[in-house]
Amino acid sequence: MNSLLGSLLNPPRRKVFVSYHHAGDQAFYDTLSRDLASGLELFHDNSLDRRIGSEDPEYIMRRIREHHLHGSSCTIVLCGQNTPRRKYVDWEIEASLTQQMVLIGIMLPTIEWFSNGGTAKPLRLQDNIDSGYAQWISWNAILQNPSELIATIERANAAPKSRIANSRQRMTRNA
């Protein structure tokens, strides 16, 4: 408990990879990187759709690990309307979990709501929220208090790695 309290009071500067649907949620990424990520080192826009010229899933997963996630300790998933349908978001989450990285989901205002009050998010992210490994926070909570993002990352960092849920079948195409 003391180490969690210490990390919340004086957290290290985390290197963070941000996964999102670039066509739909770029403005949120821009706001996050410009205004809300004080104390974090965000990795720049590495859209897989534009950068990897291959259809080989194993090659792409290796590229994700070596060139997109390398050096980061946390993945933030910006969850908007189309995020759950993007295969590369799923692949980035899978690679992050394989490397036992911290996982945070941020509920954007554009997220799709279900009639039961739930939200549409990448299923692999949902698995890890359900297992207690990943943290879930709303965009509005971060806007109201940007330091809450750092606190959420530190809470996620304290989650036991044994809670990682990464057995789901990899998405093979965008839905």
C-alpha atoms as a PDB file:
ATOM      1  CA  MET A   1       0.000   0.000   0.000  1.00  0.00           C
ATOM      2  CA  ASN A   2       2.864   2.388   0.789  1.00  0.00           C
ATOM      3  CA  SER A   3       4.374   1.900  -2.692  1.00  0.00           C
ATOM      4  CA  LEU A   4       1.003   2.713  -4.302  1.00  0.00           C
ATOM      5  CA  LEU A   5       0.635   5.804  -2.113  1.00  0.00           C
ATOM      6  CA  GLY A   6       4.192   6.865  -2.958  1.00  0.00           C
ATOM      7  CA  SER A   7       3.627   6.410  -6.691  1.00  0.00           C
ATOM      8  CA  LEU A   8       0.421   8.441  -6.519  1.00  0.00           C
ATOM      9  CA  LEU A   9       2.158  11.282  -4.675  1.00  0.00           C
ATOM     10  CA  ASN A  10       5.312  11.292  -6.813  1.00  0.00           C
ATOM     11  CA  PRO A  11       4.689   9.178  -9.924  1.00  0.00           C
ATOM     12  CA  PRO A  12       7.481   8.482 -12.386  1.00  0.00           C
ATOM     13  CA  ARG A  13       7.238   9.982 -15.880  1.00  0.00           C
ATOM     14  CA  ARG A  14       5.500   7.186 -17.821  1.00  0.00           C
ATOM     15  CA  LYS A  15       6.070   6.456 -21.475  1.00  0.00           C
ATOM     16  CA  VAL A  16       2.621   5.894 -22.930  1.00  0.00           C
ATOM     17  CA  PHE A  17       1.428   4.478 -26.236  1.00  0.00           C
ATOM     18  CA  VAL A  18      -1.993   5.736 -27.349  1.00  0.00           C
ATOM     19  CA  SER A  19      -4.207   3.472 -29.452  1.00  0.00           C
ATOM     20  CA  TYR A  20      -7.227   4.965 -31.196  1.00  0.00           C
ATOM     21  CA  HIS A  21      -9.229   5.168 -34.411  1.00  0.00           C
ATOM     22  CA  HIS A  22      -7.277   7.826 -36.251  1.00  0.00           C
ATOM     23  CA  ALA A  23     -10.007   8.903 -38.677  1.00  0.00           C
ATOM     24  CA  GLY A  24     -12.603   9.320 -35.931  1.00  0.00           C
ATOM     25  CA  ASP A  25     -10.715  10.324 -32.808  1.00  0.00           C
ATOM     26  CA  GLN A  26      -7.677  12.339 -33.912  1.00  0.00           C
ATOM     27  CA  ALA A  27      -9.021  15.518 -32.271  1.00  0.00           C
ATOM     28  CA  PHE A  28      -9.171  13.743 -28.887  1.00  0.00           C
ATOM     29  CA  TYR A  29      -5.602  12.483 -29.298  1.00  0.00           C
ATOM     30  CA  ASP A  30      -4.491  16.024 -30.182  1.00  0.00           C
ATOM     31  CA  THR A  31      -6.179  17.437 -27.065  1.00  0.00           C
ATOM     32  CA  LEU A  32      -4.736  14.669 -24.895  1.00  0.00           C
ATOM     33  CA  SER A  33      -1.204  15.223 -26.143  1.00  0.00           C
ATOM     34  CA  ARG A  34      -1.419  19.032 -26.085  1.00  0.00           C
ATOM     35  CA  ASP A  35      -3.400  19.745 -22.911  1.00  0.00           C
ATOM     36  CA  LEU A  36      -3.908  16.692 -20.699  1.00  0.00           C
ATOM     37  CA  ALA A  37      -0.745  14.608 -20.676  1.00  0.00           C
ATOM     38  CA  SER A  38       1.476  16.670 -18.414  1.00  0.00           C
ATOM     39  CA  GLY A  39       3.857  14.278 -16.715  1.00  0.00           C
ATOM     40  CA  LEU A  40       3.566  11.672 -19.487  1.00  0.00           C
ATOM     41  CA  GLU A  41       5.668  11.003 -22.538  1.00  0.00           C
ATOM     42  CA  LEU A  42       3.155  10.157 -25.254  1.00  0.00           C
ATOM     43  CA  PHE A  43       4.289   8.226 -28.262  1.00  0.00           C
ATOM     44  CA  HIS A  44       3.551  10.050 -31.498  1.00  0.00           C
ATOM     45  CA  ASP A  45       0.893   9.086 -34.027  1.00  0.00           C
ATOM     46  CA  ASN A  46       1.879   5.683 -35.423  1.00  0.00           C
ATOM     47  CA  SER A  47      -1.182   4.738 -37.441  1.00  0.00           C
ATOM     48  CA  LEU A  48      -0.704   1.156 -38.546  1.00  0.00           C
ATOM     49  CA  ASP A  49      -3.108   1.617 -41.433  1.00  0.00           C
ATOM     50  CA  ARG A  50      -0.569   3.890 -43.116  1.00  0.00           C
ATOM     51  CA  ARG A  51       2.787   2.540 -41.956  1.00  0.00           C
ATOM     52  CA  ILE A  52       2.943  -1.255 -42.331  1.00  0.00           C
ATOM     53  CA  GLY A  53       2.757  -2.516 -45.883  1.00  0.00           C
ATOM     54  CA  SER A  54       2.032  -6.160 -45.097  1.00  0.00           C
ATOM     55  CA  GLU A  55      -0.921  -8.468 -44.597  1.00  0.00           C
ATOM     56  CA  ASP A  56       1.084 -11.014 -42.534  1.00  0.00           C
ATOM     57  CA  PRO A  57      -0.377 -10.871 -38.993  1.00  0.00           C
ATOM     58  CA  GLU A  58       2.767 -12.186 -37.282  1.00  0.00           C
ATOM     59  CA  TYR A  59       4.962  -9.635 -39.059  1.00  0.00           C
ATOM     60  CA  ILE A  60       2.541  -6.852 -38.123  1.00  0.00           C
ATOM     61  CA  MET A  61       2.433  -7.974 -34.474  1.00  0.00           C
ATOM     62  CA  ARG A  62       6.246  -7.988 -34.369  1.00  0.00           C
ATOM     63  CA  ARG A  63       6.302  -4.471 -35.876  1.00  0.00           C
ATOM     64  CA  ILE A  64       3.769  -3.309 -33.271  1.00  0.00           C
ATOM     65  CA  ARG A  65       5.958  -4.651 -30.445  1.00  0.00           C
ATOM     66  CA  GLU A  66       9.288  -3.449 -31.842  1.00  0.00           C
ATOM     67  CA  HIS A  67       8.396  -0.117 -33.425  1.00  0.00           C
ATOM     68  CA  HIS A  68       5.199   1.134 -31.822  1.00  0.00           C
ATOM     69  CA  LEU A  69       5.230  -0.111 -28.226  1.00  0.00           C
ATOM     70  CA  HIS A  70       8.977  -0.327 -27.635  1.00  0.00           C
ATOM     71  CA  GLY A  71       9.964   1.701 -24.599  1.00  0.00           C
ATOM     72  CA  SER A  72       6.449   2.317 -23.326  1.00  0.00           C
ATOM     73  CA  SER A  73       5.035   0.902 -20.107  1.00  0.00           C
ATOM     74  CA  CYS A  74       1.386   1.822 -20.602  1.00  0.00           C
ATOM     75  CA  THR A  75      -1.196   1.735 -23.378  1.00  0.00           C
ATOM     76  CA  ILE A  76      -4.117   4.125 -23.366  1.00  0.00           C
ATOM     77  CA  VAL A  77      -7.042   3.223 -25.615  1.00  0.00           C
ATOM     78  CA  LEU A  78      -9.202   6.169 -26.659  1.00  0.00           C
ATOM     79  CA  CYS A  79     -12.653   4.603 -27.019  1.00  0.00           C
ATOM     80  CA  GLY A  80     -14.904   6.421 -29.449  1.00  0.00           C
ATOM     81  CA  GLN A  81     -17.729   5.348 -31.718  1.00  0.00           C
ATOM     82  CA  ASN A  82     -15.690   3.179 -34.105  1.00  0.00           C
ATOM     83  CA  THR A  83     -12.857   2.011 -31.848  1.00  0.00           C
ATOM     84  CA  PRO A  84     -14.314  -1.456 -31.108  1.00  0.00           C
ATOM     85  CA  ARG A  85     -14.449  -2.224 -34.829  1.00  0.00           C
ATOM     86  CA  ARG A  86     -10.765  -1.483 -35.600  1.00  0.00           C
ATOM     87  CA  LYS A  87      -8.554  -4.577 -35.881  1.00  0.00           C
ATOM     88  CA  TYR A  88      -5.317  -2.703 -35.290  1.00  0.00           C
ATOM     89  CA  VAL A  89      -6.627  -1.312 -31.993  1.00  0.00           C
ATOM     90  CA  ASP A  90      -7.293  -4.920 -30.925  1.00  0.00           C
ATOM     91  CA  TRP A  91      -3.822  -5.941 -32.111  1.00  0.00           C
ATOM     92  CA  GLU A  92      -2.174  -3.081 -30.217  1.00  0.00           C
ATOM     93  CA  ILE A  93      -4.038  -4.097 -27.044  1.00  0.00           C
ATOM     94  CA  GLU A  94      -3.019  -7.732 -27.551  1.00  0.00           C
ATOM     95  CA  ALA A  95       0.651  -6.797 -28.037  1.00  0.00           C
ATOM     96  CA  SER A  96       0.530  -4.494 -25.001  1.00  0.00           C
ATOM     97  CA  LEU A  97      -0.857  -7.251 -22.808  1.00  0.00           C
ATOM     98  CA  THR A  98       1.695  -9.752 -24.131  1.00  0.00           C
ATOM     99  CA  GLN A  99       4.349  -7.326 -22.872  1.00  0.00           C
ATOM    100  CA  GLN A 100       2.442  -6.948 -19.563  1.00  0.00           C
ATOM    101  CA  MET A 101       1.970  -3.226 -20.072  1.00  0.00           C
ATOM    102  CA  VAL A 102      -0.487  -1.188 -18.036  1.00  0.00           C
ATOM    103  CA  LEU A 103      -3.822  -0.799 -19.857  1.00  0.00           C
ATOM    104  CA  ILE A 104      -6.197   2.178 -19.581  1.00  0.00           C
ATOM    105  CA  GLY A 105      -9.428   2.762 -21.489  1.00  0.00           C
ATOM    106  CA  ILE A 106     -10.732   6.308 -21.878  1.00  0.00           C
ATOM    107  CA  MET A 107     -14.439   6.658 -22.661  1.00  0.00           C
ATOM    108  CA  LEU A 108     -14.768   9.434 -25.234  1.00  0.00           C
ATOM    109  CA  PRO A 109     -17.999  11.456 -25.602  1.00  0.00           C
ATOM    110  CA  THR A 110     -18.555   9.789 -28.997  1.00  0.00           C
ATOM    111  CA  ILE A 111     -18.727   6.261 -27.558  1.00  0.00           C
ATOM    112  CA  GLU A 112     -21.678   4.067 -28.482  1.00  0.00           C
ATOM    113  CA  TRP A 113     -24.026   3.421 -25.541  1.00  0.00           C
ATOM    114  CA  PHE A 114     -26.123   0.272 -25.095  1.00  0.00           C
ATOM    115  CA  SER A 115     -29.686   0.304 -23.772  1.00  0.00           C
ATOM    116  CA  ASN A 116     -28.488  -1.420 -20.560  1.00  0.00           C
ATOM    117  CA  GLY A 117     -26.113   1.483 -19.831  1.00  0.00           C
ATOM    118  CA  GLY A 118     -22.974  -0.277 -21.045  1.00  0.00           C
ATOM    119  CA  THR A 119     -20.661   1.013 -23.751  1.00  0.00           C
ATOM    120  CA  ALA A 120     -19.140  -0.462 -26.894  1.00  0.00           C
ATOM    121  CA  LYS A 121     -15.405  -0.875 -26.430  1.00  0.00           C
ATOM    122  CA  PRO A 122     -12.776  -3.280 -27.779  1.00  0.00           C
ATOM    123  CA  LEU A 123     -13.633  -6.714 -26.397  1.00  0.00           C
ATOM    124  CA  ARG A 124     -10.046  -7.411 -25.282  1.00  0.00           C
ATOM    125  CA  LEU A 125     -10.132  -4.154 -23.288  1.00  0.00           C
ATOM    126  CA  GLN A 126     -13.485  -5.162 -21.781  1.00  0.00           C
ATOM    127  CA  ASP A 127     -12.027  -8.550 -20.778  1.00  0.00           C
ATOM    128  CA  ASN A 128      -9.308  -6.754 -18.833  1.00  0.00           C
ATOM    129  CA  ILE A 129     -11.654  -4.251 -17.226  1.00  0.00           C
ATOM    130  CA  ASP A 130     -13.770  -7.212 -16.114  1.00  0.00           C
ATOM    131  CA  SER A 131     -10.711  -9.074 -14.766  1.00  0.00           C
ATOM    132  CA  GLY A 132      -9.623  -6.034 -12.760  1.00  0.00           C
ATOM    133  CA  TYR A 133      -6.413  -5.534 -14.736  1.00  0.00           C
ATOM    134  CA  ALA A 134      -7.338  -2.514 -16.878  1.00  0.00           C
ATOM    135  CA  GLN A 135      -8.691   0.802 -15.642  1.00  0.00           C
ATOM    136  CA  TRP A 136     -11.637   2.653 -17.236  1.00  0.00           C
ATOM    137  CA  ILE A 137     -12.056   6.427 -16.993  1.00  0.00           C
ATOM    138  CA  SER A 138     -14.178   8.993 -18.790  1.00  0.00           C
ATOM    139  CA  TRP A 139     -12.816  11.768 -20.968  1.00  0.00           C
ATOM    140  CA  ASN A 140     -14.888  14.272 -18.985  1.00  0.00           C
ATOM    141  CA  ALA A 141     -13.254  13.185 -15.710  1.00  0.00           C
ATOM    142  CA  ILE A 142      -9.836  13.874 -17.235  1.00  0.00           C
ATOM    143  CA  LEU A 143     -10.969  17.234 -18.621  1.00  0.00           C
ATOM    144  CA  GLN A 144     -12.216  18.240 -15.161  1.00  0.00           C
ATOM    145  CA  ASN A 145      -9.044  17.043 -13.436  1.00  0.00           C
ATOM    146  CA  PRO A 146      -6.095  16.180 -15.716  1.00  0.00           C
ATOM    147  CA  SER A 147      -4.103  14.759 -12.788  1.00  0.00           C
ATOM    148  CA  GLU A 148      -6.708  11.997 -12.581  1.00  0.00           C
ATOM    149  CA  LEU A 149      -5.132  10.406 -15.663  1.00  0.00           C
ATOM    150  CA  ILE A 150      -1.804   9.993 -13.847  1.00  0.00           C
ATOM    151  CA  ALA A 151      -3.589   8.595 -10.781  1.00  0.00           C
ATOM    152  CA  THR A 152      -5.495   6.132 -12.978  1.00  0.00           C
ATOM    153  CA  ILE A 153      -2.280   4.945 -14.618  1.00  0.00           C
ATOM    154  CA  GLU A 154      -0.682   4.416 -11.210  1.00  0.00           C
ATOM    155  CA  ARG A 155      -3.724   2.447  -9.975  1.00  0.00           C
ATOM    156  CA  ALA A 156      -3.512   0.278 -13.093  1.00  0.00           C
ATOM    157  CA  ASN A 157       0.217  -0.178 -12.555  1.00  0.00           C
ATOM    158  CA  ALA A 158      -0.536  -1.707  -9.157  1.00  0.00           C
ATOM    159  CA  ALA A 159      -2.830  -4.406 -10.640  1.00  0.00           C
ATOM    160  CA  PRO A 160      -1.416  -7.931 -10.472  1.00  0.00           C
ATOM    161  CA  LYS A 161      -0.159  -9.187 -13.844  1.00  0.00           C
ATOM    162  CA  SER A 162      -1.989 -12.450 -13.125  1.00  0.00           C
ATOM    163  CA  ARG A 163      -5.239 -10.633 -13.978  1.00  0.00           C
ATOM    164  CA  ILE A 164      -4.228 -10.096 -17.614  1.00  0.00           C
ATOM    165  CA  ALA A 165      -6.869 -11.603 -19.925  1.00  0.00           C
ATOM    166  CA  ASN A 166      -5.381 -12.032 -23.388  1.00  0.00           C
ATOM    167  CA  SER A 167      -6.776 -15.301 -24.736  1.00  0.00           C
ATOM    168  CA  ARG A 168      -9.395 -13.808 -27.054  1.00  0.00           C
ATOM    169  CA  GLN A 169      -9.101 -14.575 -30.779  1.00  0.00           C
ATOM    170  CA  ARG A 170      -7.366 -11.739 -32.652  1.00  0.00           C
ATOM    171  CA  MET A 171      -9.629  -9.678 -34.937  1.00  0.00           C
ATOM    172  CA  THR A 172      -8.857 -10.448 -38.582  1.00  0.00           C
ATOM    173  CA  ARG A 173     -10.618  -7.487 -40.202  1.00  0.00           C
ATOM    174  CA  ASN A 174     -12.305  -4.222 -39.356  1.00  0.00           C
ATOM    175  CA  ALA A 175     -15.961  -4.697 -38.545  1.00  0.00           C
END
